[in-house]
Amino acid sequence: LSTISKIYERVLLSRINDHLEDNNIIPNQQCGFRTGRSTSHQLIKVIKTAKENIKSKKSTGMIFLDVEKAFDRVWHNGLLYKMLQLGFPLPLIKTVRSFLSERTFSVFIKGQFSGIQQIKYGVPQGAVLSPTLYNIFTHDIVRETSDNIALF
């Protein structure tokens, strides 16, 4: 990407993050891909909770899920719908739609390129916006619960 594109992406990220923080959209349990939060801190919290439960002779269960190719599985229309439902400004949603649409790829095999294919799902790997767009897409996985939940 060009330098101007990267700067523009950071401006968009700032506006998206402002909306997310102002409206408390991303659950507190989510530490991955968030400024000022760390998956290391989340891991320490999990270990601390487990140790406290062992000390108190409470049962402790853990479930670890890893979404394979998570960024590649973001449904564009679903993401845009969620942004609309979350009250993002329409011009910002349209910009994200433009950012995600008309992306293509081809594969180089045995000295030849394949035909150009359109990318219909996923957020671009390595793009500044992608982690935050993924967090928006998955923000509603965690519901209110009395259990300790840690999202990486």
C-alpha atoms as a PDB file:
ATOM      1  CA  LEU A   1       0.000   0.000   0.000  1.00  0.00           C
ATOM      2  CA  SER A   2       1.083   3.547  -0.583  1.00  0.00           C
ATOM      3  CA  THR A   3       2.080   5.800   2.286  1.00  0.00           C
ATOM      4  CA  ILE A   4      -1.023   7.939   1.740  1.00  0.00           C
ATOM      5  CA  SER A   5      -3.242   4.841   1.954  1.00  0.00           C
ATOM      6  CA  LYS A   6      -1.628   3.827   5.237  1.00  0.00           C
ATOM      7  CA  ILE A   7      -2.105   7.319   6.684  1.00  0.00           C
ATOM      8  CA  TYR A   8      -5.744   7.331   5.547  1.00  0.00           C
ATOM      9  CA  GLU A   9      -6.253   3.910   7.116  1.00  0.00           C
ATOM     10  CA  ARG A  10      -4.891   5.199  10.443  1.00  0.00           C
ATOM     11  CA  VAL A  11      -7.279   8.175  10.318  1.00  0.00           C
ATOM     12  CA  LEU A  12     -10.180   5.761   9.731  1.00  0.00           C
ATOM     13  CA  LEU A  13      -8.944   3.568  12.574  1.00  0.00           C
ATOM     14  CA  SER A  14      -8.915   6.571  14.891  1.00  0.00           C
ATOM     15  CA  ARG A  15     -12.531   7.403  14.023  1.00  0.00           C
ATOM     16  CA  ILE A  16     -13.634   3.797  14.407  1.00  0.00           C
ATOM     17  CA  ASN A  17     -11.857   3.469  17.766  1.00  0.00           C
ATOM     18  CA  ASP A  18     -13.410   6.725  18.995  1.00  0.00           C
ATOM     19  CA  HIS A  19     -16.878   5.340  18.246  1.00  0.00           C
ATOM     20  CA  LEU A  20     -16.053   1.986  19.848  1.00  0.00           C
ATOM     21  CA  GLU A  21     -14.748   3.584  23.049  1.00  0.00           C
ATOM     22  CA  ASP A  22     -17.425   6.306  23.276  1.00  0.00           C
ATOM     23  CA  ASN A  23     -20.140   3.656  23.019  1.00  0.00           C
ATOM     24  CA  ASN A  24     -18.392   0.918  25.026  1.00  0.00           C
ATOM     25  CA  ILE A  25     -18.934  -1.574  22.199  1.00  0.00           C
ATOM     26  CA  ILE A  26     -16.020  -3.980  22.562  1.00  0.00           C
ATOM     27  CA  PRO A  27     -16.401  -6.081  25.736  1.00  0.00           C
ATOM     28  CA  ASN A  28     -13.905  -5.479  28.530  1.00  0.00           C
ATOM     29  CA  GLN A  29     -12.909  -9.131  28.314  1.00  0.00           C
ATOM     30  CA  GLN A  30     -11.448  -8.542  24.828  1.00  0.00           C
ATOM     31  CA  CYS A  31      -7.766  -7.653  25.100  1.00  0.00           C
ATOM     32  CA  GLY A  32      -6.464  -8.734  21.698  1.00  0.00           C
ATOM     33  CA  PHE A  33      -5.931  -5.942  19.180  1.00  0.00           C
ATOM     34  CA  ARG A  34      -6.733  -3.171  21.645  1.00  0.00           C
ATOM     35  CA  THR A  35      -4.601  -0.205  22.613  1.00  0.00           C
ATOM     36  CA  GLY A  36      -3.449  -0.297  26.214  1.00  0.00           C
ATOM     37  CA  ARG A  37      -4.419  -3.941  26.656  1.00  0.00           C
ATOM     38  CA  SER A  38      -2.367  -7.026  26.228  1.00  0.00           C
ATOM     39  CA  THR A  39      -3.004 -10.705  25.750  1.00  0.00           C
ATOM     40  CA  SER A  40      -0.145 -11.256  28.230  1.00  0.00           C
ATOM     41  CA  HIS A  41      -2.134  -9.420  30.905  1.00  0.00           C
ATOM     42  CA  GLN A  42      -5.156 -11.517  30.040  1.00  0.00           C
ATOM     43  CA  LEU A  43      -3.120 -14.703  30.442  1.00  0.00           C
ATOM     44  CA  ILE A  44      -1.866 -13.525  33.843  1.00  0.00           C
ATOM     45  CA  LYS A  45      -5.493 -12.892  34.858  1.00  0.00           C
ATOM     46  CA  VAL A  46      -6.484 -16.427  33.822  1.00  0.00           C
ATOM     47  CA  ILE A  47      -3.601 -17.971  35.783  1.00  0.00           C
ATOM     48  CA  LYS A  48      -4.351 -15.815  38.839  1.00  0.00           C
ATOM     49  CA  THR A  49      -8.030 -16.813  38.781  1.00  0.00           C
ATOM     50  CA  ALA A  50      -7.126 -20.501  38.462  1.00  0.00           C
ATOM     51  CA  LYS A  51      -4.680 -20.271  41.383  1.00  0.00           C
ATOM     52  CA  GLU A  52      -7.263 -18.488  43.565  1.00  0.00           C
ATOM     53  CA  ASN A  53      -9.854 -21.139  42.751  1.00  0.00           C
ATOM     54  CA  ILE A  54      -7.441 -23.957  43.564  1.00  0.00           C
ATOM     55  CA  LYS A  55      -6.559 -22.270  46.855  1.00  0.00           C
ATOM     56  CA  SER A  56     -10.272 -21.882  47.684  1.00  0.00           C
ATOM     57  CA  LYS A  57     -10.957 -25.462  46.570  1.00  0.00           C
ATOM     58  CA  LYS A  58     -13.337 -24.252  43.852  1.00  0.00           C
ATOM     59  CA  SER A  59     -13.757 -26.056  40.572  1.00  0.00           C
ATOM     60  CA  THR A  60     -12.097 -24.442  37.611  1.00  0.00           C
ATOM     61  CA  GLY A  61     -12.853 -25.255  34.014  1.00  0.00           C
ATOM     62  CA  MET A  62     -11.291 -23.716  30.952  1.00  0.00           C
ATOM     63  CA  ILE A  63     -12.222 -23.890  27.323  1.00  0.00           C
ATOM     64  CA  PHE A  64      -9.773 -22.687  24.716  1.00  0.00           C
ATOM     65  CA  LEU A  65     -11.049 -22.003  21.217  1.00  0.00           C
ATOM     66  CA  ASP A  66      -8.956 -20.947  18.264  1.00  0.00           C
ATOM     67  CA  VAL A  67     -10.798 -19.713  15.212  1.00  0.00           C
ATOM     68  CA  GLU A  68      -8.875 -21.079  12.263  1.00  0.00           C
ATOM     69  CA  LYS A  69      -8.059 -18.375   9.698  1.00  0.00           C
ATOM     70  CA  ALA A  70     -10.163 -15.941  11.717  1.00  0.00           C
ATOM     71  CA  PHE A  71      -9.417 -12.847   9.631  1.00  0.00           C
ATOM     72  CA  ASP A  72     -10.216 -14.763   6.439  1.00  0.00           C
ATOM     73  CA  ARG A  73     -13.690 -15.666   7.684  1.00  0.00           C
ATOM     74  CA  VAL A  74     -15.137 -12.204   8.300  1.00  0.00           C
ATOM     75  CA  TRP A  75     -18.366 -11.893   6.299  1.00  0.00           C
ATOM     76  CA  HIS A  76     -18.321  -8.417   4.731  1.00  0.00           C
ATOM     77  CA  ASN A  77     -22.076  -7.830   4.694  1.00  0.00           C
ATOM     78  CA  GLY A  78     -22.362  -9.108   8.263  1.00  0.00           C
ATOM     79  CA  LEU A  79     -19.635  -6.722   9.424  1.00  0.00           C
ATOM     80  CA  LEU A  80     -21.258  -3.753   7.664  1.00  0.00           C
ATOM     81  CA  TYR A  81     -24.662  -4.689   9.125  1.00  0.00           C
ATOM     82  CA  LYS A  82     -23.182  -4.816  12.624  1.00  0.00           C
ATOM     83  CA  MET A  83     -21.545  -1.420  12.115  1.00  0.00           C
ATOM     84  CA  LEU A  84     -24.907   0.008  11.047  1.00  0.00           C
ATOM     85  CA  GLN A  85     -26.638  -1.528  14.082  1.00  0.00           C
ATOM     86  CA  LEU A  86     -23.912  -0.134  16.354  1.00  0.00           C
ATOM     87  CA  GLY A  87     -24.593   3.397  15.152  1.00  0.00           C
ATOM     88  CA  PHE A  88     -21.436   4.053  13.163  1.00  0.00           C
ATOM     89  CA  PRO A  89     -21.826   7.078  10.882  1.00  0.00           C
ATOM     90  CA  LEU A  90     -23.006   6.049   7.404  1.00  0.00           C
ATOM     91  CA  PRO A  91     -20.056   7.721   5.598  1.00  0.00           C
ATOM     92  CA  LEU A  92     -17.660   5.675   7.740  1.00  0.00           C
ATOM     93  CA  ILE A  93     -19.541   2.452   6.962  1.00  0.00           C
ATOM     94  CA  LYS A  94     -19.428   3.270   3.246  1.00  0.00           C
ATOM     95  CA  THR A  95     -15.685   3.850   3.494  1.00  0.00           C
ATOM     96  CA  VAL A  96     -15.192   0.477   5.188  1.00  0.00           C
ATOM     97  CA  ARG A  97     -17.339  -1.136   2.479  1.00  0.00           C
ATOM     98  CA  SER A  98     -15.105   0.444  -0.159  1.00  0.00           C
ATOM     99  CA  PHE A  99     -12.009  -0.730   1.735  1.00  0.00           C
ATOM    100  CA  LEU A 100     -13.277  -4.332   1.682  1.00  0.00           C
ATOM    101  CA  SER A 101     -14.779  -4.462  -1.806  1.00  0.00           C
ATOM    102  CA  GLU A 102     -13.220  -5.206  -5.163  1.00  0.00           C
ATOM    103  CA  ARG A 103     -10.153  -6.886  -3.682  1.00  0.00           C
ATOM    104  CA  THR A 104      -8.665  -9.556  -5.887  1.00  0.00           C
ATOM    105  CA  PHE A 105      -5.895 -12.123  -5.883  1.00  0.00           C
ATOM    106  CA  SER A 106      -4.119 -14.507  -8.207  1.00  0.00           C
ATOM    107  CA  VAL A 107      -1.736 -17.364  -7.545  1.00  0.00           C
ATOM    108  CA  PHE A 108       1.659 -17.878  -9.170  1.00  0.00           C
ATOM    109  CA  ILE A 109       2.227 -21.591  -9.817  1.00  0.00           C
ATOM    110  CA  LYS A 110       4.880 -23.198 -11.999  1.00  0.00           C
ATOM    111  CA  GLY A 111       5.797 -19.934 -13.675  1.00  0.00           C
ATOM    112  CA  GLN A 112       2.246 -18.837 -14.447  1.00  0.00           C
ATOM    113  CA  PHE A 113      -0.393 -16.715 -12.775  1.00  0.00           C
ATOM    114  CA  SER A 114      -3.851 -18.118 -12.255  1.00  0.00           C
ATOM    115  CA  GLY A 115      -6.890 -16.144 -13.257  1.00  0.00           C
ATOM    116  CA  ILE A 116      -7.826 -13.199 -11.063  1.00  0.00           C
ATOM    117  CA  GLN A 117     -10.329 -14.101  -8.356  1.00  0.00           C
ATOM    118  CA  GLN A 118     -12.421 -11.750  -6.240  1.00  0.00           C
ATOM    119  CA  ILE A 119     -12.048 -11.893  -2.454  1.00  0.00           C
ATOM    120  CA  LYS A 120     -15.543 -12.191  -1.000  1.00  0.00           C
ATOM    121  CA  TYR A 121     -14.738 -12.770   2.681  1.00  0.00           C
ATOM    122  CA  GLY A 122     -12.162 -11.683   5.187  1.00  0.00           C
ATOM    123  CA  VAL A 123     -10.278  -8.594   6.189  1.00  0.00           C
ATOM    124  CA  PRO A 124      -6.895  -7.904   4.578  1.00  0.00           C
ATOM    125  CA  GLN A 125      -3.926  -9.480   6.347  1.00  0.00           C
ATOM    126  CA  GLY A 126      -1.499  -6.841   7.577  1.00  0.00           C
ATOM    127  CA  ALA A 127      -3.891  -3.915   7.158  1.00  0.00           C
ATOM    128  CA  VAL A 128      -4.061  -1.470  10.067  1.00  0.00           C
ATOM    129  CA  LEU A 129      -7.881  -1.654  10.148  1.00  0.00           C
ATOM    130  CA  SER A 130      -8.202  -5.444  10.051  1.00  0.00           C
ATOM    131  CA  PRO A 131      -7.789  -6.321  13.760  1.00  0.00           C
ATOM    132  CA  THR A 132     -10.337  -3.692  14.792  1.00  0.00           C
ATOM    133  CA  LEU A 133     -12.785  -4.752  12.082  1.00  0.00           C
ATOM    134  CA  TYR A 134     -12.419  -8.329  13.340  1.00  0.00           C
ATOM    135  CA  ASN A 135     -13.153  -7.170  16.897  1.00  0.00           C
ATOM    136  CA  ILE A 136     -16.304  -5.408  15.675  1.00  0.00           C
ATOM    137  CA  PHE A 137     -17.390  -8.538  13.810  1.00  0.00           C
ATOM    138  CA  THR A 138     -16.948 -10.708  16.917  1.00  0.00           C
ATOM    139  CA  HIS A 139     -17.891  -8.187  19.635  1.00  0.00           C
ATOM    140  CA  ASP A 140     -21.213  -9.858  20.395  1.00  0.00           C
ATOM    141  CA  ILE A 141     -19.906 -13.389  20.923  1.00  0.00           C
ATOM    142  CA  VAL A 142     -19.639 -12.785  24.661  1.00  0.00           C
ATOM    143  CA  ARG A 143     -22.909 -12.172  26.459  1.00  0.00           C
ATOM    144  CA  GLU A 144     -23.342 -10.979  30.023  1.00  0.00           C
ATOM    145  CA  THR A 145     -22.351 -13.792  32.323  1.00  0.00           C
ATOM    146  CA  SER A 146     -21.172 -14.321  35.865  1.00  0.00           C
ATOM    147  CA  ASP A 147     -18.297 -16.463  34.593  1.00  0.00           C
ATOM    148  CA  ASN A 148     -14.790 -15.153  34.132  1.00  0.00           C
ATOM    149  CA  ILE A 149     -14.170 -14.813  30.424  1.00  0.00           C
ATOM    150  CA  ALA A 150     -10.911 -13.825  28.791  1.00  0.00           C
ATOM    151  CA  LEU A 151     -10.702 -13.070  25.090  1.00  0.00           C
ATOM    152  CA  PHE A 152      -7.346 -12.942  23.366  1.00  0.00           C
END
